């Protein structure tokens, strides 16, 4: 179970975010679904987009990211949009983590925990378990399906869960030279 969500300071303007993401400002949703910094342990700037096409077109412009987000509370970017082909609770997402030297991540549990907190905070349901599925990594050719849940009680999020299946991509062995202390 993930840490409960905490929300950060206001996000940069839609125009500035559009510049960072190489998309149009109109591609980014406004209130009540405006971009928001969220953390469930690791902060992400959750950026809702109007369409799966906008998610696919997003590309981080490093110069703009460095001048606007690099030193901010939530510098890592998680863009998403509802995917009408998957149903009302299905989304497509991409995760850009330039602050950790990861251009794009195909499956990000920490970012999806933040997305669950973000979506739950905007849901009209005051109680019960809310569920969503998220396809991530599609544009990288490494698609993943992540399942996220948020429990709500009296309008407050009380639990976040992230799940899914994993496929081993590689395996390795580390051999230490004789005489070196153990790690």
N, C-alpha and C. Protein backbone atom coordinates (compact mmCIF):
# COMPACT_ATOMS: atom_id res chain seq x y z
N UNK A 1 0.84 -1.17 0.00
CA UNK A 1 0.00 0.00 0.00
C UNK A 1 0.89 1.24 0.00
N UNK A 2 0.55 2.20 -0.82
CA UNK A 2 1.32 3.43 -0.96
C UNK A 2 0.99 4.40 0.17
N UNK A 3 1.90 5.31 0.41
CA UNK A 3 1.69 6.39 1.35
C UNK A 3 0.51 7.23 0.87
N UNK A 4 -0.23 7.82 1.79
CA UNK A 4 -1.36 8.66 1.39
C UNK A 4 -0.86 9.90 0.66
N UNK A 5 -1.65 10.37 -0.31
CA UNK A 5 -1.19 11.50 -1.14
C UNK A 5 -1.12 12.82 -0.37
N UNK A 6 -0.11 13.58 -0.75
CA UNK A 6 0.03 14.96 -0.30
C UNK A 6 0.12 15.81 -1.55
N UNK A 7 -0.45 17.01 -1.50
CA UNK A 7 -0.51 17.88 -2.66
C UNK A 7 0.42 19.07 -2.48
N UNK A 8 1.13 19.42 -3.55
CA UNK A 8 2.14 20.47 -3.49
C UNK A 8 1.62 21.82 -3.90
N UNK A 9 2.56 22.74 -4.09
CA UNK A 9 2.20 24.11 -4.49
C UNK A 9 1.62 24.12 -5.90
N UNK A 10 1.05 25.25 -6.30
CA UNK A 10 0.45 25.33 -7.65
C UNK A 10 1.46 24.98 -8.74
N UNK A 11 0.94 24.38 -9.79
CA UNK A 11 1.76 24.00 -10.95
C UNK A 11 2.04 25.23 -11.80
N UNK A 12 3.06 25.16 -12.64
CA UNK A 12 3.27 26.25 -13.61
C UNK A 12 2.05 26.39 -14.53
N UNK A 13 1.97 27.48 -15.25
CA UNK A 13 0.84 27.74 -16.13
C UNK A 13 0.74 26.66 -17.22
N UNK A 14 -0.46 26.54 -17.78
CA UNK A 14 -0.65 25.60 -18.88
C UNK A 14 0.26 25.95 -20.05
N UNK A 15 0.47 27.23 -20.30
CA UNK A 15 1.36 27.65 -21.38
C UNK A 15 2.79 27.19 -21.16
N UNK A 16 3.27 27.34 -19.94
CA UNK A 16 4.64 26.92 -19.62
C UNK A 16 4.75 25.40 -19.69
N UNK A 17 3.76 24.68 -19.17
CA UNK A 17 3.78 23.22 -19.25
C UNK A 17 3.73 22.74 -20.69
N UNK A 18 2.92 23.41 -21.50
CA UNK A 18 2.84 23.06 -22.93
C UNK A 18 4.20 23.24 -23.59
N UNK A 19 4.89 24.30 -23.25
CA UNK A 19 6.24 24.54 -23.80
C UNK A 19 7.18 23.41 -23.38
N UNK A 20 7.14 23.02 -22.12
CA UNK A 20 8.01 21.95 -21.62
C UNK A 20 7.70 20.64 -22.33
N UNK A 21 6.41 20.36 -22.57
CA UNK A 21 5.98 19.07 -23.11
C UNK A 21 5.84 19.05 -24.64
N UNK A 22 6.16 20.14 -25.30
CA UNK A 22 6.10 20.22 -26.77
C UNK A 22 4.70 19.97 -27.32
N UNK A 23 3.69 20.46 -26.59
CA UNK A 23 2.30 20.33 -27.03
C UNK A 23 1.65 21.71 -26.96
N UNK A 24 0.39 21.82 -27.36
CA UNK A 24 -0.35 23.07 -27.28
C UNK A 24 -0.95 23.24 -25.89
N UNK A 25 -1.07 24.48 -25.44
CA UNK A 25 -1.67 24.75 -24.13
C UNK A 25 -3.09 24.19 -24.06
N UNK A 26 -3.80 24.18 -25.18
CA UNK A 26 -5.17 23.65 -25.21
C UNK A 26 -5.21 22.15 -24.98
N UNK A 27 -4.08 21.47 -25.14
CA UNK A 27 -4.01 20.03 -24.88
C UNK A 27 -4.06 19.72 -23.39
N UNK A 28 -3.79 20.71 -22.55
CA UNK A 28 -3.74 20.50 -21.10
C UNK A 28 -5.06 20.94 -20.48
N UNK A 29 -5.64 20.08 -19.66
CA UNK A 29 -6.91 20.40 -19.02
C UNK A 29 -6.74 21.47 -17.95
N UNK A 30 -7.80 22.25 -17.74
CA UNK A 30 -7.84 23.24 -16.68
C UNK A 30 -8.72 22.76 -15.54
N UNK A 31 -9.08 23.67 -14.66
CA UNK A 31 -9.90 23.33 -13.49
C UNK A 31 -11.20 22.67 -13.94
N UNK A 32 -11.69 21.69 -13.22
CA UNK A 32 -11.20 21.16 -11.95
C UNK A 32 -10.10 20.10 -12.10
N UNK A 33 -9.72 19.80 -13.33
CA UNK A 33 -8.71 18.76 -13.57
C UNK A 33 -7.36 19.39 -13.91
N UNK A 34 -7.03 20.48 -13.27
CA UNK A 34 -5.78 21.19 -13.56
C UNK A 34 -4.56 20.39 -13.10
N UNK A 35 -3.40 20.62 -13.72
CA UNK A 35 -2.18 19.96 -13.27
C UNK A 35 -1.92 20.22 -11.78
N UNK A 36 -1.35 19.21 -11.12
CA UNK A 36 -1.15 19.30 -9.68
C UNK A 36 0.06 18.47 -9.27
N UNK A 37 0.89 19.01 -8.40
CA UNK A 37 1.97 18.24 -7.81
C UNK A 37 1.39 17.33 -6.74
N UNK A 38 1.77 16.05 -6.79
CA UNK A 38 1.28 15.06 -5.83
C UNK A 38 2.45 14.18 -5.42
N UNK A 39 2.48 13.80 -4.16
CA UNK A 39 3.46 12.82 -3.72
C UNK A 39 2.78 11.74 -2.87
N UNK A 40 3.21 10.53 -3.10
CA UNK A 40 2.88 9.39 -2.24
C UNK A 40 4.21 8.79 -1.80
N UNK A 41 5.22 9.64 -1.69
CA UNK A 41 6.58 9.25 -1.36
C UNK A 41 7.58 9.92 -2.27
N UNK A 42 7.32 9.94 -3.57
CA UNK A 42 8.15 10.62 -4.56
C UNK A 42 7.23 11.57 -5.33
N UNK A 43 7.53 12.88 -5.34
CA UNK A 43 6.62 13.83 -5.99
C UNK A 43 6.66 13.77 -7.51
N UNK A 44 5.47 13.90 -8.09
CA UNK A 44 5.30 13.99 -9.54
C UNK A 44 4.35 15.13 -9.84
N UNK A 45 4.58 15.80 -10.96
CA UNK A 45 3.63 16.78 -11.45
C UNK A 45 2.68 16.02 -12.37
N UNK A 46 1.45 15.83 -11.92
CA UNK A 46 0.43 15.09 -12.67
C UNK A 46 -0.22 16.08 -13.63
N UNK A 47 -0.13 15.77 -14.94
CA UNK A 47 -0.61 16.70 -15.96
C UNK A 47 -1.68 16.00 -16.81
N UNK A 48 -2.96 16.36 -16.61
CA UNK A 48 -4.04 15.75 -17.40
C UNK A 48 -4.13 16.38 -18.79
N UNK A 49 -4.18 15.54 -19.80
CA UNK A 49 -4.28 16.00 -21.18
C UNK A 49 -5.64 15.66 -21.76
N UNK A 50 -6.02 16.36 -22.80
CA UNK A 50 -7.35 16.19 -23.42
C UNK A 50 -7.52 14.88 -24.17
N UNK A 51 -6.42 14.30 -24.66
CA UNK A 51 -6.57 13.13 -25.52
C UNK A 51 -5.36 12.21 -25.45
N UNK A 52 -5.58 10.97 -25.85
CA UNK A 52 -4.48 10.02 -25.97
C UNK A 52 -3.50 10.50 -27.02
N UNK A 53 -3.98 11.16 -28.07
CA UNK A 53 -3.10 11.72 -29.09
C UNK A 53 -2.13 12.72 -28.47
N UNK A 54 -2.60 13.57 -27.57
CA UNK A 54 -1.73 14.55 -26.90
C UNK A 54 -0.69 13.83 -26.04
N UNK A 55 -1.10 12.76 -25.38
CA UNK A 55 -0.15 11.97 -24.58
C UNK A 55 0.95 11.44 -25.50
N UNK A 56 0.57 10.91 -26.65
CA UNK A 56 1.54 10.35 -27.60
C UNK A 56 2.49 11.41 -28.16
N UNK A 57 2.01 12.64 -28.33
CA UNK A 57 2.84 13.71 -28.90
C UNK A 57 3.79 14.35 -27.89
N UNK A 58 3.57 14.15 -26.61
CA UNK A 58 4.37 14.82 -25.58
C UNK A 58 5.85 14.43 -25.67
N UNK A 59 6.72 15.44 -25.58
CA UNK A 59 8.17 15.28 -25.56
C UNK A 59 8.73 16.35 -24.64
N UNK A 60 9.63 16.01 -23.76
CA UNK A 60 10.19 17.00 -22.84
C UNK A 60 11.27 17.82 -23.54
N UNK A 61 11.13 19.12 -23.47
CA UNK A 61 12.16 20.05 -23.92
C UNK A 61 13.02 20.36 -22.70
N UNK A 62 14.21 19.82 -22.70
CA UNK A 62 15.08 19.90 -21.53
C UNK A 62 15.38 21.34 -21.11
N UNK A 63 15.60 22.24 -22.04
CA UNK A 63 15.90 23.63 -21.67
C UNK A 63 14.74 24.24 -20.90
N UNK A 64 13.52 24.01 -21.37
CA UNK A 64 12.34 24.54 -20.68
C UNK A 64 12.14 23.85 -19.34
N UNK A 65 12.35 22.54 -19.29
CA UNK A 65 12.21 21.80 -18.03
C UNK A 65 13.22 22.35 -17.01
N UNK A 66 14.47 22.52 -17.43
CA UNK A 66 15.51 22.98 -16.51
C UNK A 66 15.21 24.37 -15.96
N UNK A 67 14.69 25.26 -16.80
CA UNK A 67 14.43 26.63 -16.34
C UNK A 67 13.14 26.75 -15.53
N UNK A 68 12.25 25.79 -15.63
CA UNK A 68 10.95 25.89 -14.95
C UNK A 68 10.76 24.89 -13.83
N UNK A 69 11.09 23.62 -14.07
CA UNK A 69 10.73 22.56 -13.12
C UNK A 69 11.89 21.94 -12.35
N UNK A 70 13.10 22.04 -12.85
CA UNK A 70 14.22 21.29 -12.28
C UNK A 70 14.33 21.47 -10.76
N UNK A 71 14.16 22.67 -10.26
CA UNK A 71 14.31 22.93 -8.83
C UNK A 71 12.97 23.00 -8.09
N UNK A 72 11.89 22.57 -8.73
CA UNK A 72 10.57 22.68 -8.11
C UNK A 72 10.26 21.50 -7.20
N UNK A 73 9.19 21.62 -6.45
CA UNK A 73 8.75 20.60 -5.51
C UNK A 73 8.46 19.28 -6.24
N UNK A 74 7.83 19.36 -7.41
CA UNK A 74 7.50 18.17 -8.21
C UNK A 74 8.07 18.37 -9.61
N UNK A 75 9.30 17.93 -9.83
CA UNK A 75 9.96 18.17 -11.12
C UNK A 75 9.75 17.04 -12.13
N UNK A 76 9.31 15.88 -11.66
CA UNK A 76 9.10 14.75 -12.57
C UNK A 76 7.67 14.83 -13.13
N UNK A 77 7.49 14.48 -14.39
CA UNK A 77 6.23 14.70 -15.09
C UNK A 77 5.50 13.39 -15.37
N UNK A 78 4.21 13.36 -15.04
CA UNK A 78 3.36 12.22 -15.35
C UNK A 78 2.15 12.76 -16.10
N UNK A 79 2.12 12.54 -17.42
CA UNK A 79 1.00 13.01 -18.24
C UNK A 79 0.04 11.85 -18.48
N UNK A 80 -1.25 12.18 -18.54
CA UNK A 80 -2.24 11.12 -18.76
C UNK A 80 -3.47 11.70 -19.43
N UNK A 81 -4.26 10.82 -20.02
CA UNK A 81 -5.56 11.18 -20.59
C UNK A 81 -6.47 9.97 -20.49
N UNK A 82 -7.76 10.24 -20.42
CA UNK A 82 -8.73 9.15 -20.49
C UNK A 82 -8.59 8.49 -21.85
N UNK A 83 -8.66 7.16 -21.86
CA UNK A 83 -8.58 6.40 -23.10
C UNK A 83 -9.97 5.88 -23.41
N UNK A 84 -10.69 6.52 -24.33
CA UNK A 84 -12.08 6.13 -24.59
C UNK A 84 -12.22 4.70 -25.09
N UNK A 85 -11.15 4.13 -25.64
CA UNK A 85 -11.23 2.75 -26.13
C UNK A 85 -11.25 1.74 -25.00
N UNK A 86 -10.87 2.16 -23.79
CA UNK A 86 -10.78 1.22 -22.67
C UNK A 86 -11.88 1.35 -21.64
N UNK A 87 -12.79 2.30 -21.81
CA UNK A 87 -13.86 2.50 -20.84
C UNK A 87 -13.62 3.74 -19.99
N UNK A 88 -14.61 4.08 -19.17
CA UNK A 88 -14.60 5.33 -18.41
C UNK A 88 -13.47 5.42 -17.39
N UNK A 89 -12.99 4.30 -16.90
CA UNK A 89 -11.95 4.35 -15.86
C UNK A 89 -10.58 3.91 -16.40
N UNK A 90 -10.40 4.01 -17.71
CA UNK A 90 -9.15 3.58 -18.33
C UNK A 90 -8.38 4.81 -18.83
N UNK A 91 -7.06 4.83 -18.59
CA UNK A 91 -6.23 5.96 -18.97
C UNK A 91 -4.97 5.50 -19.70
N UNK A 92 -4.39 6.40 -20.46
CA UNK A 92 -3.07 6.21 -21.08
C UNK A 92 -2.16 7.23 -20.43
N UNK A 93 -0.93 6.83 -20.12
CA UNK A 93 -0.02 7.73 -19.42
C UNK A 93 1.41 7.57 -19.92
N UNK A 94 2.20 8.59 -19.65
CA UNK A 94 3.64 8.56 -19.88
C UNK A 94 4.32 9.23 -18.69
N UNK A 95 5.50 8.73 -18.34
CA UNK A 95 6.23 9.26 -17.21
C UNK A 95 7.62 9.70 -17.66
N UNK A 96 7.89 11.01 -17.50
CA UNK A 96 9.19 11.58 -17.84
C UNK A 96 9.89 11.95 -16.54
N UNK A 97 11.09 11.43 -16.33
CA UNK A 97 11.79 11.61 -15.06
C UNK A 97 13.20 12.15 -15.32
N UNK A 98 13.29 13.34 -15.93
CA UNK A 98 14.62 13.87 -16.26
C UNK A 98 15.48 14.18 -15.04
N UNK A 99 14.86 14.49 -13.90
CA UNK A 99 15.62 14.78 -12.69
C UNK A 99 16.35 13.58 -12.14
N UNK A 100 15.94 12.40 -12.53
CA UNK A 100 16.59 11.16 -12.10
C UNK A 100 17.29 10.48 -13.28
N UNK A 101 17.53 11.24 -14.35
CA UNK A 101 18.22 10.76 -15.56
C UNK A 101 17.48 9.61 -16.25
N UNK A 102 16.15 9.65 -16.20
CA UNK A 102 15.32 8.66 -16.88
C UNK A 102 14.46 9.42 -17.89
N UNK A 103 14.82 9.36 -19.19
CA UNK A 103 14.02 10.11 -20.16
C UNK A 103 12.55 9.73 -20.13
N UNK A 104 12.26 8.42 -20.05
CA UNK A 104 10.87 7.95 -19.96
C UNK A 104 10.87 6.58 -19.32
N UNK A 105 9.88 6.33 -18.47
CA UNK A 105 9.78 5.06 -17.76
C UNK A 105 8.54 4.31 -18.27
N UNK A 106 8.66 3.03 -18.59
CA UNK A 106 7.52 2.30 -19.15
C UNK A 106 6.46 1.89 -18.13
N UNK A 107 6.80 1.82 -16.85
CA UNK A 107 5.83 1.42 -15.82
C UNK A 107 6.30 2.01 -14.50
N UNK A 108 5.54 2.96 -13.96
CA UNK A 108 6.01 3.71 -12.80
C UNK A 108 4.99 3.61 -11.67
N UNK A 109 5.27 2.72 -10.72
CA UNK A 109 4.35 2.53 -9.59
C UNK A 109 4.17 3.78 -8.76
N UNK A 110 5.25 4.51 -8.48
CA UNK A 110 5.16 5.70 -7.64
C UNK A 110 4.34 6.80 -8.32
N UNK A 111 4.48 6.97 -9.62
CA UNK A 111 3.70 7.98 -10.33
C UNK A 111 2.23 7.57 -10.42
N UNK A 112 1.98 6.29 -10.61
CA UNK A 112 0.59 5.83 -10.66
C UNK A 112 -0.09 5.94 -9.30
N UNK A 113 0.66 5.79 -8.21
CA UNK A 113 0.09 6.03 -6.88
C UNK A 113 -0.34 7.49 -6.78
N UNK A 114 0.49 8.40 -7.28
CA UNK A 114 0.13 9.82 -7.29
C UNK A 114 -1.11 10.07 -8.14
N UNK A 115 -1.19 9.39 -9.30
CA UNK A 115 -2.37 9.53 -10.15
C UNK A 115 -3.63 9.07 -9.41
N UNK A 116 -3.56 7.97 -8.69
CA UNK A 116 -4.72 7.50 -7.92
C UNK A 116 -5.14 8.55 -6.90
N UNK A 117 -4.18 9.16 -6.21
CA UNK A 117 -4.50 10.21 -5.26
C UNK A 117 -5.11 11.43 -5.93
N UNK A 118 -4.56 11.81 -7.08
CA UNK A 118 -5.06 12.94 -7.86
C UNK A 118 -6.51 12.68 -8.30
N UNK A 119 -6.75 11.51 -8.91
CA UNK A 119 -8.10 11.20 -9.40
C UNK A 119 -9.09 11.08 -8.26
N UNK A 120 -8.68 10.45 -7.17
CA UNK A 120 -9.59 10.30 -6.02
C UNK A 120 -9.97 11.65 -5.44
N UNK A 121 -9.03 12.59 -5.40
CA UNK A 121 -9.31 13.90 -4.82
C UNK A 121 -10.32 14.69 -5.65
N UNK A 122 -10.51 14.30 -6.89
CA UNK A 122 -11.44 14.99 -7.78
C UNK A 122 -12.71 14.19 -8.05
N UNK A 123 -12.81 13.02 -7.47
CA UNK A 123 -13.97 12.14 -7.70
C UNK A 123 -15.16 12.61 -6.87
N UNK A 124 -16.37 12.50 -7.41
CA UNK A 124 -17.54 12.90 -6.64
C UNK A 124 -17.91 11.91 -5.52
N UNK A 125 -17.43 10.67 -5.63
CA UNK A 125 -17.76 9.67 -4.61
C UNK A 125 -17.06 10.02 -3.30
N UNK A 126 -17.83 10.02 -2.22
CA UNK A 126 -17.28 10.35 -0.91
C UNK A 126 -16.77 9.12 -0.18
N UNK A 127 -17.22 7.94 -0.62
CA UNK A 127 -16.80 6.72 0.05
C UNK A 127 -16.70 5.57 -0.92
N UNK A 128 -16.02 4.51 -0.48
CA UNK A 128 -15.87 3.31 -1.29
C UNK A 128 -14.49 3.21 -1.92
N UNK A 129 -14.35 2.20 -2.78
CA UNK A 129 -13.08 1.97 -3.47
C UNK A 129 -13.23 2.39 -4.92
N UNK A 130 -12.35 3.26 -5.37
CA UNK A 130 -12.33 3.72 -6.75
C UNK A 130 -11.22 2.97 -7.47
N UNK A 131 -11.48 2.56 -8.71
CA UNK A 131 -10.51 1.76 -9.47
C UNK A 131 -10.31 2.32 -10.87
N UNK A 132 -9.05 2.27 -11.31
CA UNK A 132 -8.69 2.69 -12.66
C UNK A 132 -7.64 1.73 -13.21
N UNK A 133 -7.55 1.68 -14.53
CA UNK A 133 -6.43 0.99 -15.18
C UNK A 133 -5.67 2.02 -16.00
N UNK A 134 -4.36 1.82 -16.10
CA UNK A 134 -3.50 2.76 -16.80
C UNK A 134 -2.57 1.98 -17.72
N UNK A 135 -2.59 2.35 -19.00
CA UNK A 135 -1.61 1.81 -19.95
C UNK A 135 -0.47 2.81 -20.03
N UNK A 136 0.74 2.33 -19.82
CA UNK A 136 1.94 3.17 -19.85
C UNK A 136 3.01 2.44 -20.66
N UNK A 137 3.95 3.16 -21.22
CA UNK A 137 5.05 2.56 -21.97
C UNK A 137 4.71 2.22 -23.40
N UNK A 138 3.50 2.54 -23.84
CA UNK A 138 3.05 2.20 -25.20
C UNK A 138 3.95 2.86 -26.24
N UNK A 139 4.21 4.16 -26.07
CA UNK A 139 5.01 4.90 -27.04
C UNK A 139 6.45 4.43 -27.09
N UNK A 140 6.91 3.76 -26.04
CA UNK A 140 8.28 3.24 -25.98
C UNK A 140 8.39 1.83 -26.57
N UNK A 141 7.25 1.24 -26.92
CA UNK A 141 7.26 -0.15 -27.36
C UNK A 141 7.39 -1.13 -26.21
N UNK A 142 7.13 -0.67 -24.98
CA UNK A 142 7.20 -1.52 -23.78
C UNK A 142 5.91 -1.33 -22.97
N UNK A 143 4.77 -1.71 -23.55
CA UNK A 143 3.49 -1.44 -22.90
C UNK A 143 3.32 -2.17 -21.57
N UNK A 144 2.71 -1.47 -20.64
CA UNK A 144 2.38 -2.05 -19.35
C UNK A 144 0.94 -1.69 -19.01
N UNK A 145 0.30 -2.50 -18.21
CA UNK A 145 -1.04 -2.21 -17.70
C UNK A 145 -0.93 -2.20 -16.19
N UNK A 146 -1.26 -1.08 -15.61
CA UNK A 146 -1.17 -0.89 -14.17
C UNK A 146 -2.57 -0.66 -13.62
N UNK A 147 -2.85 -1.30 -12.51
CA UNK A 147 -4.15 -1.15 -11.85
C UNK A 147 -3.94 -0.32 -10.58
N UNK A 148 -4.76 0.72 -10.44
CA UNK A 148 -4.65 1.58 -9.27
C UNK A 148 -6.00 1.68 -8.57
N UNK A 149 -5.95 1.82 -7.25
CA UNK A 149 -7.16 1.93 -6.45
C UNK A 149 -6.95 2.98 -5.37
N UNK A 150 -8.06 3.61 -4.99
CA UNK A 150 -8.05 4.55 -3.86
C UNK A 150 -9.30 4.27 -3.03
N UNK A 151 -9.11 4.12 -1.74
CA UNK A 151 -10.24 4.00 -0.81
C UNK A 151 -10.57 5.38 -0.29
N UNK A 152 -11.88 5.67 -0.23
CA UNK A 152 -12.33 6.97 0.26
C UNK A 152 -13.33 6.74 1.39
N UNK A 153 -13.29 7.60 2.39
CA UNK A 153 -14.23 7.58 3.49
C UNK A 153 -14.53 9.02 3.87
N UNK A 154 -15.79 9.39 3.83
CA UNK A 154 -16.23 10.76 4.15
C UNK A 154 -15.45 11.81 3.34
N UNK A 155 -15.17 11.49 2.07
CA UNK A 155 -14.49 12.42 1.19
C UNK A 155 -12.99 12.50 1.36
N UNK A 156 -12.42 11.60 2.18
CA UNK A 156 -10.98 11.60 2.43
C UNK A 156 -10.38 10.30 1.90
N UNK A 157 -9.27 10.40 1.20
CA UNK A 157 -8.58 9.21 0.71
C UNK A 157 -7.88 8.54 1.89
N UNK A 158 -8.19 7.26 2.09
CA UNK A 158 -7.64 6.55 3.25
C UNK A 158 -6.62 5.48 2.86
N UNK A 159 -6.55 5.12 1.58
CA UNK A 159 -5.58 4.13 1.13
C UNK A 159 -5.41 4.25 -0.38
N UNK A 160 -4.18 3.96 -0.83
CA UNK A 160 -3.83 3.91 -2.26
C UNK A 160 -3.15 2.57 -2.51
N UNK A 161 -3.55 1.91 -3.60
CA UNK A 161 -2.91 0.65 -3.98
C UNK A 161 -2.55 0.69 -5.46
N UNK A 162 -1.40 0.08 -5.79
CA UNK A 162 -0.92 -0.01 -7.17
C UNK A 162 -0.59 -1.46 -7.43
N UNK A 163 -1.04 -2.00 -8.55
CA UNK A 163 -0.75 -3.39 -8.87
C UNK A 163 -0.63 -3.60 -10.36
N UNK A 164 -0.30 -4.83 -10.71
CA UNK A 164 -0.15 -5.19 -12.11
C UNK A 164 0.79 -6.37 -12.21
N UNK A 165 1.11 -6.76 -13.40
CA UNK A 165 2.03 -7.87 -13.62
C UNK A 165 3.35 -7.32 -14.16
N UNK A 166 4.41 -8.07 -13.93
CA UNK A 166 5.73 -7.65 -14.41
C UNK A 166 6.35 -8.76 -15.24
N UNK A 167 7.21 -8.37 -16.15
CA UNK A 167 7.95 -9.30 -16.99
C UNK A 167 9.43 -9.02 -16.78
N UNK A 168 10.21 -10.04 -16.50
CA UNK A 168 11.64 -9.86 -16.32
C UNK A 168 12.25 -9.43 -17.65
N UNK A 169 12.97 -8.32 -17.61
CA UNK A 169 13.60 -7.79 -18.82
C UNK A 169 15.07 -8.19 -18.90
N UNK A 170 15.68 -8.39 -17.76
CA UNK A 170 17.09 -8.79 -17.76
C UNK A 170 17.42 -9.42 -16.42
N UNK A 171 18.56 -10.04 -16.37
CA UNK A 171 19.02 -10.70 -15.16
C UNK A 171 20.54 -10.55 -15.13
N UNK A 172 21.10 -10.50 -13.94
CA UNK A 172 22.55 -10.35 -13.87
C UNK A 172 23.08 -10.86 -12.54
N UNK A 173 24.39 -11.02 -12.51
CA UNK A 173 25.09 -11.45 -11.31
C UNK A 173 26.25 -10.50 -11.07
N UNK A 174 26.42 -10.09 -9.84
CA UNK A 174 27.52 -9.22 -9.47
C UNK A 174 28.54 -10.05 -8.70
N UNK A 175 29.74 -10.09 -9.22
CA UNK A 175 30.82 -10.83 -8.55
C UNK A 175 31.83 -9.83 -8.02
N UNK A 176 32.11 -9.95 -6.72
CA UNK A 176 33.08 -9.07 -6.08
C UNK A 176 34.46 -9.69 -6.14
N UNK A 177 35.43 -8.84 -6.32
CA UNK A 177 36.82 -9.32 -6.33
C UNK A 177 37.21 -9.79 -4.92
N UNK A 178 38.10 -10.75 -4.85
CA UNK A 178 38.59 -11.25 -3.57
C UNK A 178 39.15 -10.11 -2.74
N UNK A 179 38.88 -10.14 -1.45
CA UNK A 179 39.45 -9.18 -0.52
C UNK A 179 38.65 -7.91 -0.36
N UNK A 180 37.60 -7.71 -1.16
CA UNK A 180 36.78 -6.53 -0.99
C UNK A 180 35.74 -6.76 0.10
N UNK A 181 35.42 -5.75 0.87
CA UNK A 181 34.39 -5.94 1.91
C UNK A 181 33.03 -6.15 1.25
N UNK A 182 32.13 -6.88 1.91
CA UNK A 182 30.78 -7.08 1.35
C UNK A 182 30.02 -5.76 1.25
N UNK A 183 29.11 -5.69 0.31
CA UNK A 183 28.29 -4.48 0.15
C UNK A 183 27.26 -4.37 1.24
